[in-house]
Amino acid sequence: DEELNTVMEELKACYSAAALQSENSGIHVSF
């Protein structure tokens, strides 16, 4: 979650429709 928050903070100005899905190996992000 910490890595996810860091990345999303950097993209916050322009990302849209982010969809998160937890997996055994981590968190899958699609937008």
PDB file of all heavy atoms in Angstrom:
ATOM      1  N   ASP A   1       0.833  -1.205   0.000  1.00  0.00           N
ATOM      2  CA  ASP A   1       0.000   0.000   0.000  1.00  0.00           C
ATOM      3  C   ASP A   1       0.864   1.251   0.000  1.00  0.00           C
ATOM      4  O   ASP A   1       0.513   2.265  -0.612  1.00  0.00           O
ATOM      5  CB  ASP A   1      -0.914   0.010   1.227  1.00  0.00           C
ATOM      6  CG  ASP A   1      -2.014  -1.033   1.139  1.00  0.00           C
ATOM      7  OD1 ASP A   1      -2.324  -1.457  -0.004  1.00  0.00           O
ATOM      8  OD2 ASP A   1      -2.560  -1.419   2.185  1.00  0.00           O
ATOM      9  N   GLU A   2       1.984   1.177   0.676  1.00  0.00           N
ATOM     10  CA  GLU A   2       2.865   2.335   0.755  1.00  0.00           C
ATOM     11  C   GLU A   2       3.402   2.702  -0.627  1.00  0.00           C
ATOM     12  O   GLU A   2       3.415   3.872  -1.013  1.00  0.00           O
ATOM     13  CB  GLU A   2       4.024   2.041   1.702  1.00  0.00           C
ATOM     14  CG  GLU A   2       4.980   3.230   1.872  1.00  0.00           C
ATOM     15  CD  GLU A   2       6.118   2.911   2.844  1.00  0.00           C
ATOM     16  OE1 GLU A   2       6.119   1.816   3.435  1.00  0.00           O
ATOM     17  OE2 GLU A   2       6.990   3.778   2.996  1.00  0.00           O
ATOM     18  N   GLU A   3       3.822   1.679  -1.384  1.00  0.00           N
ATOM     19  CA  GLU A   3       4.321   1.935  -2.739  1.00  0.00           C
ATOM     20  C   GLU A   3       3.207   2.449  -3.636  1.00  0.00           C
ATOM     21  O   GLU A   3       3.410   3.349  -4.454  1.00  0.00           O
ATOM     22  CB  GLU A   3       4.911   0.643  -3.324  1.00  0.00           C
ATOM     23  CG  GLU A   3       5.546   0.847  -4.691  1.00  0.00           C
ATOM     24  CD  GLU A   3       6.130  -0.438  -5.258  1.00  0.00           C
ATOM     25  OE1 GLU A   3       5.891  -1.520  -4.681  1.00  0.00           O
ATOM     26  OE2 GLU A   3       6.815  -0.356  -6.294  1.00  0.00           O
ATOM     27  N   LEU A   4       1.992   1.875  -3.439  1.00  0.00           N
ATOM     28  CA  LEU A   4       0.845   2.317  -4.233  1.00  0.00           C
ATOM     29  C   LEU A   4       0.543   3.783  -3.973  1.00  0.00           C
ATOM     30  O   LEU A   4       0.330   4.569  -4.898  1.00  0.00           O
ATOM     31  CB  LEU A   4      -0.376   1.459  -3.892  1.00  0.00           C
ATOM     32  CG  LEU A   4      -1.702   1.906  -4.523  1.00  0.00           C
ATOM     33  CD1 LEU A   4      -1.627   1.812  -6.042  1.00  0.00           C
ATOM     34  CD2 LEU A   4      -2.849   1.063  -3.994  1.00  0.00           C
ATOM     35  N   ASN A   5       0.541   4.175  -2.713  1.00  0.00           N
ATOM     36  CA  ASN A   5       0.236   5.566  -2.359  1.00  0.00           C
ATOM     37  C   ASN A   5       1.257   6.524  -2.955  1.00  0.00           C
ATOM     38  O   ASN A   5       0.919   7.624  -3.400  1.00  0.00           O
ATOM     39  CB  ASN A   5       0.186   5.721  -0.840  1.00  0.00           C
ATOM     40  CG  ASN A   5      -1.013   5.019  -0.229  1.00  0.00           C
ATOM     41  OD1 ASN A   5      -2.021   4.801  -0.902  1.00  0.00           O
ATOM     42  ND2 ASN A   5      -0.908   4.638   1.034  1.00  0.00           N
ATOM     43  N   THR A   6       2.524   6.100  -2.959  1.00  0.00           N
ATOM     44  CA  THR A   6       3.578   6.950  -3.516  1.00  0.00           C
ATOM     45  C   THR A   6       3.367   7.186  -5.012  1.00  0.00           C
ATOM     46  O   THR A   6       3.433   8.313  -5.504  1.00  0.00           O
ATOM     47  CB  THR A   6       4.959   6.304  -3.293  1.00  0.00           C
ATOM     48  OG1 THR A   6       5.181   6.145  -1.881  1.00  0.00           O
ATOM     49  CG2 THR A   6       6.062   7.172  -3.885  1.00  0.00           C
ATOM     50  N   VAL A   7       3.071   6.078  -5.727  1.00  0.00           N
ATOM     51  CA  VAL A   7       2.871   6.190  -7.171  1.00  0.00           C
ATOM     52  C   VAL A   7       1.635   7.022  -7.489  1.00  0.00           C
ATOM     53  O   VAL A   7       1.650   7.904  -8.359  1.00  0.00           O
ATOM     54  CB  VAL A   7       2.741   4.788  -7.813  1.00  0.00           C
ATOM     55  CG1 VAL A   7       2.360   4.904  -9.286  1.00  0.00           C
ATOM     56  CG2 VAL A   7       4.028   4.008  -7.659  1.00  0.00           C
ATOM     57  N   MET A   8       0.548   6.763  -6.780  1.00  0.00           N
ATOM     58  CA  MET A   8      -0.696   7.481  -7.060  1.00  0.00           C
ATOM     59  C   MET A   8      -0.577   8.960  -6.740  1.00  0.00           C
ATOM     60  O   MET A   8      -1.201   9.796  -7.403  1.00  0.00           O
ATOM     61  CB  MET A   8      -1.853   6.854  -6.275  1.00  0.00           C
ATOM     62  CG  MET A   8      -2.293   5.508  -6.829  1.00  0.00           C
ATOM     63  SD  MET A   8      -2.753   5.629  -8.574  1.00  0.00           S
ATOM     64  CE  MET A   8      -3.323   3.978  -8.900  1.00  0.00           C
ATOM     65  N   GLU A   9       0.196   9.289  -5.751  1.00  0.00           N
ATOM     66  CA  GLU A   9       0.397  10.695  -5.418  1.00  0.00           C
ATOM     67  C   GLU A   9       1.090  11.415  -6.567  1.00  0.00           C
ATOM     68  O   GLU A   9       0.762  12.558  -6.891  1.00  0.00           O
ATOM     69  CB  GLU A   9       1.238  10.806  -4.146  1.00  0.00           C
ATOM     70  CG  GLU A   9       1.332  12.220  -3.589  1.00  0.00           C
ATOM     71  CD  GLU A   9      -0.020  12.751  -3.119  1.00  0.00           C
ATOM     72  OE1 GLU A   9      -0.883  11.950  -2.696  1.00  0.00           O
ATOM     73  OE2 GLU A   9      -0.211  13.987  -3.185  1.00  0.00           O
ATOM     74  N   GLU A  10       2.027  10.725  -7.216  1.00  0.00           N
ATOM     75  CA  GLU A  10       2.737  11.317  -8.342  1.00  0.00           C
ATOM     76  C   GLU A  10       1.825  11.475  -9.560  1.00  0.00           C
ATOM     77  O   GLU A  10       1.982  12.397 -10.373  1.00  0.00           O
ATOM     78  CB  GLU A  10       3.941  10.439  -8.713  1.00  0.00           C
ATOM     79  CG  GLU A  10       5.009  10.395  -7.629  1.00  0.00           C
ATOM     80  CD  GLU A  10       6.142   9.459  -8.000  1.00  0.00           C
ATOM     81  OE1 GLU A  10       6.270   9.144  -9.206  1.00  0.00           O
ATOM     82  OE2 GLU A  10       6.896   9.051  -7.103  1.00  0.00           O
ATOM     83  N   LEU A  11       0.849  10.532  -9.701  1.00  0.00           N
ATOM     84  CA  LEU A  11      -0.042  10.562 -10.872  1.00  0.00           C
ATOM     85  C   LEU A  11      -1.341  11.330 -10.618  1.00  0.00           C
ATOM     86  O   LEU A  11      -2.136  11.496 -11.533  1.00  0.00           O
ATOM     87  CB  LEU A  11      -0.401   9.123 -11.285  1.00  0.00           C
ATOM     88  CG  LEU A  11       0.753   8.231 -11.742  1.00  0.00           C
ATOM     89  CD1 LEU A  11       0.247   6.817 -11.989  1.00  0.00           C
ATOM     90  CD2 LEU A  11       1.396   8.777 -13.007  1.00  0.00           C
ATOM     91  N   LYS A  12      -1.527  11.754  -9.403  1.00  0.00           N
ATOM     92  CA  LYS A  12      -2.815  12.306  -8.986  1.00  0.00           C
ATOM     93  C   LYS A  12      -3.312  13.428  -9.890  1.00  0.00           C
ATOM     94  O   LYS A  12      -4.513  13.577 -10.110  1.00  0.00           O
ATOM     95  CB  LYS A  12      -2.724  12.812  -7.541  1.00  0.00           C
ATOM     96  CG  LYS A  12      -4.052  13.275  -6.975  1.00  0.00           C
ATOM     97  CD  LYS A  12      -3.954  13.441  -5.449  1.00  0.00           C
ATOM     98  CE  LYS A  12      -2.865  14.414  -5.074  1.00  0.00           C
ATOM     99  NZ  LYS A  12      -2.845  14.641  -3.593  1.00  0.00           N
ATOM    100  N   ALA A  13      -2.408  14.183 -10.458  1.00  0.00           N
ATOM    101  CA  ALA A  13      -2.818  15.337 -11.265  1.00  0.00           C
ATOM    102  C   ALA A  13      -3.475  14.941 -12.579  1.00  0.00           C
ATOM    103  O   ALA A  13      -4.212  15.725 -13.158  1.00  0.00           O
ATOM    104  CB  ALA A  13      -1.613  16.222 -11.553  1.00  0.00           C
ATOM    105  N   CYS A  14      -3.242  13.686 -13.045  1.00  0.00           N
ATOM    106  CA  CYS A  14      -3.773  13.367 -14.358  1.00  0.00           C
ATOM    107  C   CYS A  14      -4.367  11.972 -14.497  1.00  0.00           C
ATOM    108  O   CYS A  14      -4.915  11.653 -15.548  1.00  0.00           O
ATOM    109  CB  CYS A  14      -2.688  13.531 -15.426  1.00  0.00           C
ATOM    110  SG  CYS A  14      -1.257  12.480 -15.175  1.00  0.00           S
ATOM    111  N   TYR A  15      -4.300  11.119 -13.482  1.00  0.00           N
ATOM    112  CA  TYR A  15      -4.836   9.776 -13.684  1.00  0.00           C
ATOM    113  C   TYR A  15      -6.347   9.778 -13.532  1.00  0.00           C
ATOM    114  O   TYR A  15      -6.934  10.634 -12.899  1.00  0.00           O
ATOM    115  CB  TYR A  15      -4.185   8.759 -12.723  1.00  0.00           C
ATOM    116  CG  TYR A  15      -4.776   8.696 -11.334  1.00  0.00           C
ATOM    117  CD1 TYR A  15      -5.857   7.863 -11.056  1.00  0.00           C
ATOM    118  CD2 TYR A  15      -4.249   9.460 -10.293  1.00  0.00           C
ATOM    119  CE1 TYR A  15      -6.400   7.792  -9.782  1.00  0.00           C
ATOM    120  CE2 TYR A  15      -4.790   9.400  -9.021  1.00  0.00           C
ATOM    121  CZ  TYR A  15      -5.857   8.562  -8.769  1.00  0.00           C
ATOM    122  OH  TYR A  15      -6.393   8.497  -7.503  1.00  0.00           O
ATOM    123  N   SER A  16      -6.990   8.774 -14.145  1.00  0.00           N
ATOM    124  CA  SER A  16      -8.444   8.683 -14.068  1.00  0.00           C
ATOM    125  C   SER A  16      -8.870   7.232 -14.052  1.00  0.00           C
ATOM    126  O   SER A  16      -8.179   6.347 -14.565  1.00  0.00           O
ATOM    127  CB  SER A  16      -9.092   9.380 -15.273  1.00  0.00           C
ATOM    128  OG  SER A  16      -8.717   8.716 -16.470  1.00  0.00           O
ATOM    129  N   ALA A  17     -10.031   6.969 -13.478  1.00  0.00           N
ATOM    130  CA  ALA A  17     -10.654   5.657 -13.483  1.00  0.00           C
ATOM    131  C   ALA A  17      -9.720   4.559 -13.008  1.00  0.00           C
ATOM    132  O   ALA A  17      -9.621   3.487 -13.601  1.00  0.00           O
ATOM    133  CB  ALA A  17     -11.179   5.323 -14.883  1.00  0.00           C
ATOM    134  N   ALA A  18      -8.995   4.795 -11.932  1.00  0.00           N
ATOM    135  CA  ALA A  18      -8.104   3.771 -11.402  1.00  0.00           C
ATOM    136  C   ALA A  18      -8.907   2.656 -10.751  1.00  0.00           C
ATOM    137  O   ALA A  18      -9.845   2.898 -10.006  1.00  0.00           O
ATOM    138  CB  ALA A  18      -7.142   4.382 -10.384  1.00  0.00           C
ATOM    139  N   ALA A  19      -8.546   1.424 -11.050  1.00  0.00           N
ATOM    140  CA  ALA A  19      -9.216   0.266 -10.460  1.00  0.00           C
ATOM    141  C   ALA A  19      -8.159  -0.590  -9.783  1.00  0.00           C
ATOM    142  O   ALA A  19      -7.143  -0.941 -10.384  1.00  0.00           O
ATOM    143  CB  ALA A  19      -9.937  -0.537 -11.533  1.00  0.00           C
ATOM    144  N   LEU A  20      -8.367  -0.924  -8.497  1.00  0.00           N
ATOM    145  CA  LEU A  20      -7.389  -1.684  -7.731  1.00  0.00           C
ATOM    146  C   LEU A  20      -7.916  -3.084  -7.457  1.00  0.00           C
ATOM    147  O   LEU A  20      -9.094  -3.285  -7.200  1.00  0.00           O
ATOM    148  CB  LEU A  20      -7.093  -0.985  -6.396  1.00  0.00           C
ATOM    149  CG  LEU A  20      -6.761   0.516  -6.471  1.00  0.00           C
ATOM    150  CD1 LEU A  20      -6.477   1.046  -5.079  1.00  0.00           C
ATOM    151  CD2 LEU A  20      -5.585   0.749  -7.386  1.00  0.00           C
ATOM    152  N   GLN A  21      -7.011  -4.053  -7.521  1.00  0.00           N
ATOM    153  CA  GLN A  21      -7.402  -5.430  -7.255  1.00  0.00           C
ATOM    154  C   GLN A  21      -6.257  -6.127  -6.541  1.00  0.00           C
ATOM    155  O   GLN A  21      -5.130  -6.188  -7.039  1.00  0.00           O
ATOM    156  CB  GLN A  21      -7.728  -6.176  -8.560  1.00  0.00           C
ATOM    157  CG  GLN A  21      -8.148  -7.623  -8.346  1.00  0.00           C
ATOM    158  CD  GLN A  21      -8.437  -8.304  -9.657  1.00  0.00           C
ATOM    159  OE1 GLN A  21      -8.501  -7.675 -10.697  1.00  0.00           O
ATOM    160  NE2 GLN A  21      -8.606  -9.613  -9.609  1.00  0.00           N
ATOM    161  N   SER A  22      -6.531  -6.660  -5.338  1.00  0.00           N
ATOM    162  CA  SER A  22      -5.489  -7.318  -4.556  1.00  0.00           C
ATOM    163  C   SER A  22      -5.167  -8.691  -5.129  1.00  0.00           C
ATOM    164  O   SER A  22      -6.056  -9.433  -5.551  1.00  0.00           O
ATOM    165  CB  SER A  22      -5.942  -7.468  -3.099  1.00  0.00           C
ATOM    166  OG  SER A  22      -6.130  -6.203  -2.518  1.00  0.00           O
ATOM    167  N   GLU A  23      -3.871  -9.041  -5.152  1.00  0.00           N
ATOM    168  CA  GLU A  23      -3.418 -10.348  -5.572  1.00  0.00           C
ATOM    169  C   GLU A  23      -2.416 -10.865  -4.547  1.00  0.00           C
ATOM    170  O   GLU A  23      -1.892 -10.107  -3.737  1.00  0.00           O
ATOM    171  CB  GLU A  23      -2.763 -10.275  -6.961  1.00  0.00           C
ATOM    172  CG  GLU A  23      -3.724  -9.776  -8.049  1.00  0.00           C
ATOM    173  CD  GLU A  23      -3.030  -9.672  -9.396  1.00  0.00           C
ATOM    174  OE1 GLU A  23      -1.787  -9.708  -9.419  1.00  0.00           O
ATOM    175  OE2 GLU A  23      -3.733  -9.563 -10.412  1.00  0.00           O
ATOM    176  N   ASN A  24      -2.134 -12.146  -4.619  1.00  0.00           N
ATOM    177  CA  ASN A  24      -1.203 -12.731  -3.660  1.00  0.00           C
ATOM    178  C   ASN A  24       0.176 -12.101  -3.746  1.00  0.00           C
ATOM    179  O   ASN A  24       0.880 -11.958  -2.755  1.00  0.00           O
ATOM    180  CB  ASN A  24      -1.084 -14.250  -3.901  1.00  0.00           C
ATOM    181  CG  ASN A  24      -2.388 -14.974  -3.562  1.00  0.00           C
ATOM    182  OD1 ASN A  24      -3.171 -14.495  -2.750  1.00  0.00           O
ATOM    183  ND2 ASN A  24      -2.601 -16.136  -4.184  1.00  0.00           N
ATOM    184  N   SER A  25       0.537 -11.729  -4.986  1.00  0.00           N
ATOM    185  CA  SER A  25       1.877 -11.177  -5.176  1.00  0.00           C
ATOM    186  C   SER A  25       1.933  -9.669  -5.004  1.00  0.00           C
ATOM    187  O   SER A  25       2.973  -9.061  -5.169  1.00  0.00           O
ATOM    188  CB  SER A  25       2.384 -11.544  -6.574  1.00  0.00           C
ATOM    189  OG  SER A  25       1.495 -11.040  -7.553  1.00  0.00           O
ATOM    190  N   GLY A  26       0.781  -9.047  -4.710  1.00  0.00           N
ATOM    191  CA  GLY A  26       0.772  -7.607  -4.537  1.00  0.00           C
ATOM    192  C   GLY A  26      -0.559  -7.004  -4.911  1.00  0.00           C
ATOM    193  O   GLY A  26      -1.592  -7.668  -4.832  1.00  0.00           O
ATOM    194  N   ILE A  27      -0.551  -5.751  -5.340  1.00  0.00           N
ATOM    195  CA  ILE A  27      -1.769  -5.033  -5.707  1.00  0.00           C
ATOM    196  C   ILE A  27      -1.715  -4.711  -7.190  1.00  0.00           C
ATOM    197  O   ILE A  27      -0.780  -4.068  -7.666  1.00  0.00           O
ATOM    198  CB  ILE A  27      -1.903  -3.741  -4.889  1.00  0.00           C
ATOM    199  CG1 ILE A  27      -1.916  -4.059  -3.383  1.00  0.00           C
ATOM    200  CG2 ILE A  27      -3.179  -2.997  -5.271  1.00  0.00           C
ATOM    201  CD1 ILE A  27      -1.872  -2.823  -2.513  1.00  0.00           C
ATOM    202  N   HIS A  28      -2.712  -5.198  -7.921  1.00  0.00           N
ATOM    203  CA  HIS A  28      -2.789  -4.945  -9.359  1.00  0.00           C
ATOM    204  C   HIS A  28      -3.531  -3.630  -9.592  1.00  0.00           C
ATOM    205  O   HIS A  28      -4.625  -3.428  -9.068  1.00  0.00           O
ATOM    206  CB  HIS A  28      -3.516  -6.088 -10.067  1.00  0.00           C
ATOM    207  CG  HIS A  28      -3.569  -5.931 -11.547  1.00  0.00           C
ATOM    208  ND1 HIS A  28      -2.490  -6.195 -12.367  1.00  0.00           N
ATOM    209  CD2 HIS A  28      -4.571  -5.513 -12.371  1.00  0.00           C
ATOM    210  CE1 HIS A  28      -2.816  -5.964 -13.621  1.00  0.00           C
ATOM    211  NE2 HIS A  28      -4.080  -5.545 -13.650  1.00  0.00           N
ATOM    212  N   VAL A  29      -2.942  -2.754 -10.380  1.00  0.00           N
ATOM    213  CA  VAL A  29      -3.524  -1.438 -10.655  1.00  0.00           C
ATOM    214  C   VAL A  29      -3.825  -1.328 -12.148  1.00  0.00           C
ATOM    215  O   VAL A  29      -2.992  -1.700 -12.982  1.00  0.00           O
ATOM    216  CB  VAL A  29      -2.564  -0.312 -10.242  1.00  0.00           C
ATOM    217  CG1 VAL A  29      -3.198   1.055 -10.489  1.00  0.00           C
ATOM    218  CG2 VAL A  29      -2.161  -0.459  -8.787  1.00  0.00           C
ATOM    219  N   SER A  30      -5.026  -0.841 -12.470  1.00  0.00           N
ATOM    220  CA  SER A  30      -5.420  -0.645 -13.865  1.00  0.00           C
ATOM    221  C   SER A  30      -6.122   0.698 -13.989  1.00  0.00           C
ATOM    222  O   SER A  30      -6.995   1.021 -13.186  1.00  0.00           O
ATOM    223  CB  SER A  30      -6.359  -1.781 -14.313  1.00  0.00           C
ATOM    224  OG  SER A  30      -6.846  -1.532 -15.619  1.00  0.00           O
ATOM    225  N   PHE A  31      -5.711   1.490 -14.978  1.00  0.00           N
ATOM    226  CA  PHE A  31      -6.390   2.762 -15.206  1.00  0.00           C
ATOM    227  C   PHE A  31      -6.236   3.154 -16.669  1.00  0.00           C
ATOM    228  O   PHE A  31      -5.451   2.568 -17.412  1.00  0.00           O
ATOM    229  CB  PHE A  31      -5.865   3.867 -14.283  1.00  0.00           C
ATOM    230  CG  PHE A  31      -4.413   4.188 -14.448  1.00  0.00           C
ATOM    231  CD1 PHE A  31      -4.009   5.173 -15.323  1.00  0.00           C
ATOM    232  CD2 PHE A  31      -3.453   3.501 -13.721  1.00  0.00           C
ATOM    233  CE1 PHE A  31      -2.681   5.479 -15.481  1.00  0.00           C
ATOM    234  CE2 PHE A  31      -2.117   3.798 -13.882  1.00  0.00           C
ATOM    235  CZ  PHE A  31      -1.722   4.784 -14.752  1.00  0.00           C
TER     236      PHE A  31
END
